[in-house]
Protein backbone atom coordinates (compact mmCIF):
# COMPACT_ATOMS: atom_id res chain seq x y z
CA UNK A 1 -14.35 -39.52 -19.36
CA UNK A 2 -16.83 -36.78 -18.97
CA UNK A 3 -14.90 -33.59 -18.26
CA UNK A 4 -17.93 -31.38 -18.02
CA UNK A 5 -17.83 -31.75 -14.28
CA UNK A 6 -19.03 -29.52 -11.48
CA UNK A 7 -16.39 -27.75 -9.56
CA UNK A 8 -17.39 -28.11 -5.99
CA UNK A 9 -16.33 -25.22 -3.55
CA UNK A 10 -14.31 -26.38 -0.59
CA UNK A 11 -13.00 -23.23 0.99
CA UNK A 12 -13.32 -19.48 1.03
CA UNK A 13 -11.21 -16.97 2.97
CA UNK A 14 -10.56 -13.41 3.42
CA UNK A 15 -7.12 -12.44 4.55
CA UNK A 16 -6.30 -8.82 5.69
CA UNK A 17 -2.62 -8.12 6.02
CA UNK A 18 -1.66 -5.28 8.47
CA UNK A 19 0.76 -4.12 11.25
CA UNK A 20 0.25 -4.81 14.90
CA UNK A 21 -2.91 -6.96 14.52
CA UNK A 22 -2.67 -7.92 18.15
CA UNK A 23 -3.65 -11.61 18.42
CA UNK A 24 -4.23 -11.30 22.13
CA UNK A 25 -7.62 -9.52 21.65
CA UNK A 26 -9.26 -12.48 19.69
CA UNK A 27 -11.55 -14.50 21.81
CA UNK A 28 -15.21 -15.52 21.68
CA UNK A 29 -16.34 -12.79 24.23
CA UNK A 30 -14.56 -10.07 22.12
CA UNK A 31 -16.24 -11.31 18.92
CA UNK A 32 -19.61 -11.52 20.66
CA UNK A 33 -19.57 -8.09 22.42
CA UNK A 34 -18.24 -6.26 19.31
CA UNK A 35 -21.00 -7.85 17.23
CA UNK A 36 -18.42 -9.49 14.97
CA UNK A 37 -20.13 -12.85 15.61
CA UNK A 38 -23.42 -11.74 17.32
CA UNK A 39 -24.97 -13.77 19.96
CA UNK A 40 -28.08 -14.20 17.91
CA UNK A 41 -26.41 -16.39 15.53
CA UNK A 42 -26.06 -18.88 18.33
CA UNK A 43 -22.88 -20.32 17.03
CA UNK A 44 -21.13 -23.04 19.02
CA UNK A 45 -17.52 -23.47 19.41
CA UNK A 46 -15.79 -26.31 17.38
CA UNK A 47 -12.92 -26.40 19.82
CA UNK A 48 -11.37 -24.54 22.66
CA UNK A 49 -10.05 -21.17 21.54
CA UNK A 50 -6.37 -20.48 21.14
CA UNK A 51 -5.18 -17.12 22.41
CA UNK A 52 -1.46 -16.21 22.46
CA UNK A 53 0.86 -13.39 21.59
CA UNK A 54 1.98 -15.12 18.39
CA UNK A 55 -1.35 -16.51 16.98
CA UNK A 56 -5.04 -16.84 18.21
CA UNK A 57 -7.78 -19.08 16.65
CA UNK A 58 -11.45 -19.19 17.30
CA UNK A 59 -13.35 -21.89 15.35
CA UNK A 60 -17.22 -22.55 15.16
CA UNK A 61 -19.28 -25.63 14.34
CA UNK A 62 -20.64 -23.50 11.49
CA UNK A 63 -17.56 -24.00 9.45
CA UNK A 64 -16.12 -20.43 10.15
CA UNK A 65 -12.74 -19.96 11.69
CA UNK A 66 -11.02 -16.76 12.74
CA UNK A 67 -7.29 -16.56 13.01
CA UNK A 68 -5.17 -13.60 14.00
CA UNK A 69 -1.43 -13.27 13.73
CA UNK A 70 0.70 -10.10 14.33
CA UNK A 71 0.74 -9.34 10.65
CA UNK A 72 -2.65 -10.51 9.55
CA UNK A 73 -6.21 -11.72 10.28
CA UNK A 74 -8.06 -14.34 8.39
CA UNK A 75 -11.60 -15.41 8.29
CA UNK A 76 -12.18 -18.85 6.52
CA UNK A 77 -15.35 -20.88 5.70
CA UNK A 78 -14.87 -24.53 5.12
CA UNK A 79 -17.35 -26.89 3.29
CA UNK A 80 -20.48 -25.04 4.25
CA UNK A 81 -21.32 -22.61 1.75
CA UNK A 82 -21.96 -23.37 -1.92
CA UNK A 83 -22.82 -19.60 -2.71
CA UNK A 84 -20.43 -17.11 -1.03
CA UNK A 85 -23.26 -14.48 -1.28
CA UNK A 86 -24.64 -16.40 1.73
CA UNK A 87 -21.32 -16.58 3.51
CA UNK A 88 -20.87 -14.94 6.94
CA UNK A 89 -17.20 -14.71 6.35
CA UNK A 90 -17.74 -11.45 4.31
CA UNK A 91 -19.66 -9.73 7.09
CA UNK A 92 -17.28 -10.93 9.81
CA UNK A 93 -14.25 -9.63 8.00
CA UNK A 94 -15.86 -6.35 7.40
CA UNK A 95 -17.14 -5.78 10.93
CA UNK A 96 -13.55 -6.82 12.33
CA UNK A 97 -12.11 -3.94 10.29
CA UNK A 98 -14.89 -1.53 11.44
CA UNK A 99 -14.05 -2.45 15.13
CA UNK A 100 -10.33 -1.97 14.54
CA UNK A 101 -10.21 1.05 11.99
CA UNK A 102 -6.74 2.34 13.23
CA UNK A 103 -4.65 -0.67 12.29
CA UNK A 104 -2.44 -0.04 9.51
CA UNK A 105 -3.76 -2.41 6.96
CA UNK A 106 -1.51 -3.10 3.79
CA UNK A 107 -3.37 -5.64 1.59
CA UNK A 108 -6.45 -7.70 1.13
CA UNK A 109 -6.60 -11.22 -0.26
CA UNK A 110 -9.82 -13.07 -1.22
CA UNK A 111 -9.11 -16.79 -1.61
CA UNK A 112 -11.14 -19.63 -3.12
CA UNK A 113 -10.53 -23.30 -3.44
CA UNK A 114 -12.62 -25.82 -5.33
CA UNK A 115 -12.49 -29.40 -6.45
CA UNK A 116 -13.57 -31.15 -9.60
CA UNK A 117 -13.89 -34.95 -9.73
CA UNK A 118 -11.67 -36.41 -12.51
CA UNK A 119 -10.68 -40.04 -12.72
CA UNK A 120 -7.13 -39.61 -13.36
CA UNK A 121 -6.21 -36.08 -12.49
CA UNK A 122 -2.39 -35.93 -13.16
CA UNK A 123 -2.86 -37.57 -16.70
CA UNK A 124 -5.56 -35.10 -17.31
CA UNK A 125 -3.47 -32.14 -16.37
CA UNK A 126 -0.43 -33.63 -18.32
CA UNK A 127 -2.54 -34.00 -21.43
CA UNK A 128 -4.19 -30.54 -21.18
CA UNK A 129 -1.27 -28.37 -20.25
CA UNK A 130 2.13 -30.16 -20.72
CA UNK A 131 3.65 -30.56 -24.18
CA UNK A 132 5.28 -33.88 -24.83
CA UNK A 133 9.02 -33.63 -24.51
CA UNK A 134 12.15 -35.02 -22.67
CA UNK A 135 10.74 -33.91 -19.41
CA UNK A 136 8.21 -36.62 -19.66
CA UNK A 137 10.33 -39.29 -21.41
CA UNK A 138 12.59 -42.06 -20.18
CA UNK A 139 14.61 -42.04 -18.14
CA UNK A 140 12.37 -39.33 -16.64
CA UNK A 141 8.86 -40.27 -15.49
CA UNK A 142 6.67 -37.31 -14.71
CA UNK A 143 4.55 -38.42 -11.84
CA UNK A 144 2.57 -35.37 -11.01
CA UNK A 145 1.75 -31.86 -12.27
CA UNK A 146 1.30 -28.60 -10.32
CA UNK A 147 0.54 -25.44 -12.26
CA UNK A 148 0.30 -21.85 -11.45
CA UNK A 149 -1.05 -18.93 -13.61
CA UNK A 150 -0.79 -15.31 -12.84
CA UNK A 151 -3.16 -12.69 -14.25
CA UNK A 152 -4.10 -9.14 -13.95
CA UNK A 153 -7.79 -8.61 -13.06
CA UNK A 154 -9.07 -5.18 -12.70
CA UNK A 155 -7.28 -3.73 -9.58
CA UNK A 156 -6.12 -7.16 -8.33
CA UNK A 157 -3.41 -9.76 -9.01
CA UNK A 158 -4.87 -13.02 -9.50
CA UNK A 159 -2.95 -16.31 -9.01
CA UNK A 160 -4.62 -19.59 -9.86
CA UNK A 161 -3.19 -22.93 -9.03
CA UNK A 162 -4.07 -26.48 -10.24
CA UNK A 163 -2.99 -29.72 -8.70
CA UNK A 164 -4.17 -33.47 -8.79
CA UNK A 165 -5.36 -34.48 -5.50
CA UNK A 166 -7.20 -37.32 -3.58
CA UNK A 167 -9.87 -36.37 -1.08
CA UNK A 168 -11.31 -38.65 1.47
CA UNK A 169 -15.12 -38.83 1.62
CA UNK A 170 -16.74 -40.40 4.59
CA UNK A 171 -19.93 -42.08 3.96
CA UNK A 172 -21.41 -44.10 7.07
CA UNK A 173 -18.60 -46.39 8.30
CA UNK A 174 -16.74 -46.38 4.88
CA UNK A 175 -14.08 -44.09 3.63
CA UNK A 176 -13.98 -43.43 -0.05
CA UNK A 177 -11.14 -41.98 -2.15
CA UNK A 178 -12.21 -39.35 -4.64
CA UNK A 179 -9.70 -38.36 -7.32
CA UNK A 180 -9.79 -34.97 -8.92
CA UNK A 181 -8.17 -31.54 -9.64
CA UNK A 182 -7.83 -29.06 -6.80
CA UNK A 183 -8.03 -25.42 -8.13
CA UNK A 184 -7.32 -22.50 -5.88
CA UNK A 185 -7.39 -18.80 -6.52
CA UNK A 186 -6.01 -15.80 -4.68
CA UNK A 187 -7.09 -12.18 -5.57
CA UNK A 188 -4.49 -9.84 -3.97
CA UNK A 189 -5.12 -6.14 -3.64
CA UNK A 190 -2.67 -3.52 -2.09
CA UNK A 191 -3.87 -0.78 0.19
CA UNK A 192 -1.65 2.41 0.19
CA UNK A 193 -1.46 5.27 2.72
CA UNK A 194 -3.16 5.67 6.13
CA UNK A 195 -5.66 5.22 7.30
CA UNK A 196 -6.73 2.49 4.90
CA UNK A 197 -9.71 0.95 6.54
CA UNK A 198 -12.11 2.47 3.89
CA UNK A 199 -9.90 0.91 1.25
CA UNK A 200 -10.02 -2.43 3.00
CA UNK A 201 -13.76 -2.47 3.24
CA UNK A 202 -14.00 -1.64 -0.42
CA UNK A 203 -11.61 -4.43 -1.30
CA UNK A 204 -13.68 -6.90 0.92
CA UNK A 205 -16.85 -5.77 -0.89
CA UNK A 206 -15.39 -7.23 -4.07
CA UNK A 207 -15.31 -10.88 -2.69
CA UNK A 208 -18.76 -11.79 -4.35
CA UNK A 209 -17.70 -10.53 -7.82
CA UNK A 210 -14.35 -12.26 -7.19
CA UNK A 211 -16.19 -15.42 -6.58
CA UNK A 212 -18.13 -15.20 -10.04
CA UNK A 213 -14.97 -14.34 -11.84
CA UNK A 214 -13.13 -17.34 -10.11
CA UNK A 215 -15.83 -19.80 -11.23
CA UNK A 216 -15.57 -18.70 -14.83
CA UNK A 217 -11.76 -18.84 -14.82
CA UNK A 218 -11.86 -22.38 -13.30
CA UNK A 219 -14.22 -23.54 -15.83
CA UNK A 220 -12.20 -21.96 -18.60
CA UNK A 221 -8.81 -23.40 -17.37
CA UNK A 222 -10.20 -27.04 -16.84
CA UNK A 223 -12.88 -27.56 -19.47
CA UNK A 224 -12.89 -24.97 -22.20
CA UNK A 225 -12.50 -26.76 -25.57
CA UNK A 226 -12.51 -30.24 -23.73
CA UNK A 227 -14.67 -33.01 -25.35
């Protein structure tokens, strides 16, 4: 088995936690007129927007989705951007905070999810991380492994998670199962005091360096020392 596999990015998101984020204001017109999603981008909606007091969602065919709940807003980009330096999610999150500077923001999370194709992911994770013992001997039979690692990284708390997964790949009229390891990372940073909008913007600006660090950490966890 060749373990020197590429980690394919699947998802990138920025989550900003706050008080009274007011989901009812989120709709395509608000995003357009406030230049959060400028008209010149010519983005089309992927589905009808949802606007309620409890949750609002606007999704575009570009792969960007905005979701607002009373205690947070989230910008997610799925399957579209191999290099987050090109991601519109960062500028959208930044502009959203600039438009609403008076919300009491309390934390920022930058999140990454990737996938590495490995033929037998659970056996790979067991061999790499789990010491043989009674937890994997008869009468017990360990079927799957999910791992979580917590680190301090500069001013962030970093959590990395590994899990064996099967994804479906549609090619023409056939659906193919691809086995591999799903790796996700969350960089969590607190915001203290009020107002915190400048601190939030500073944390959002670290998304690009977080992405580079996540790539290095993912390679280290999965492949360092493997032959």
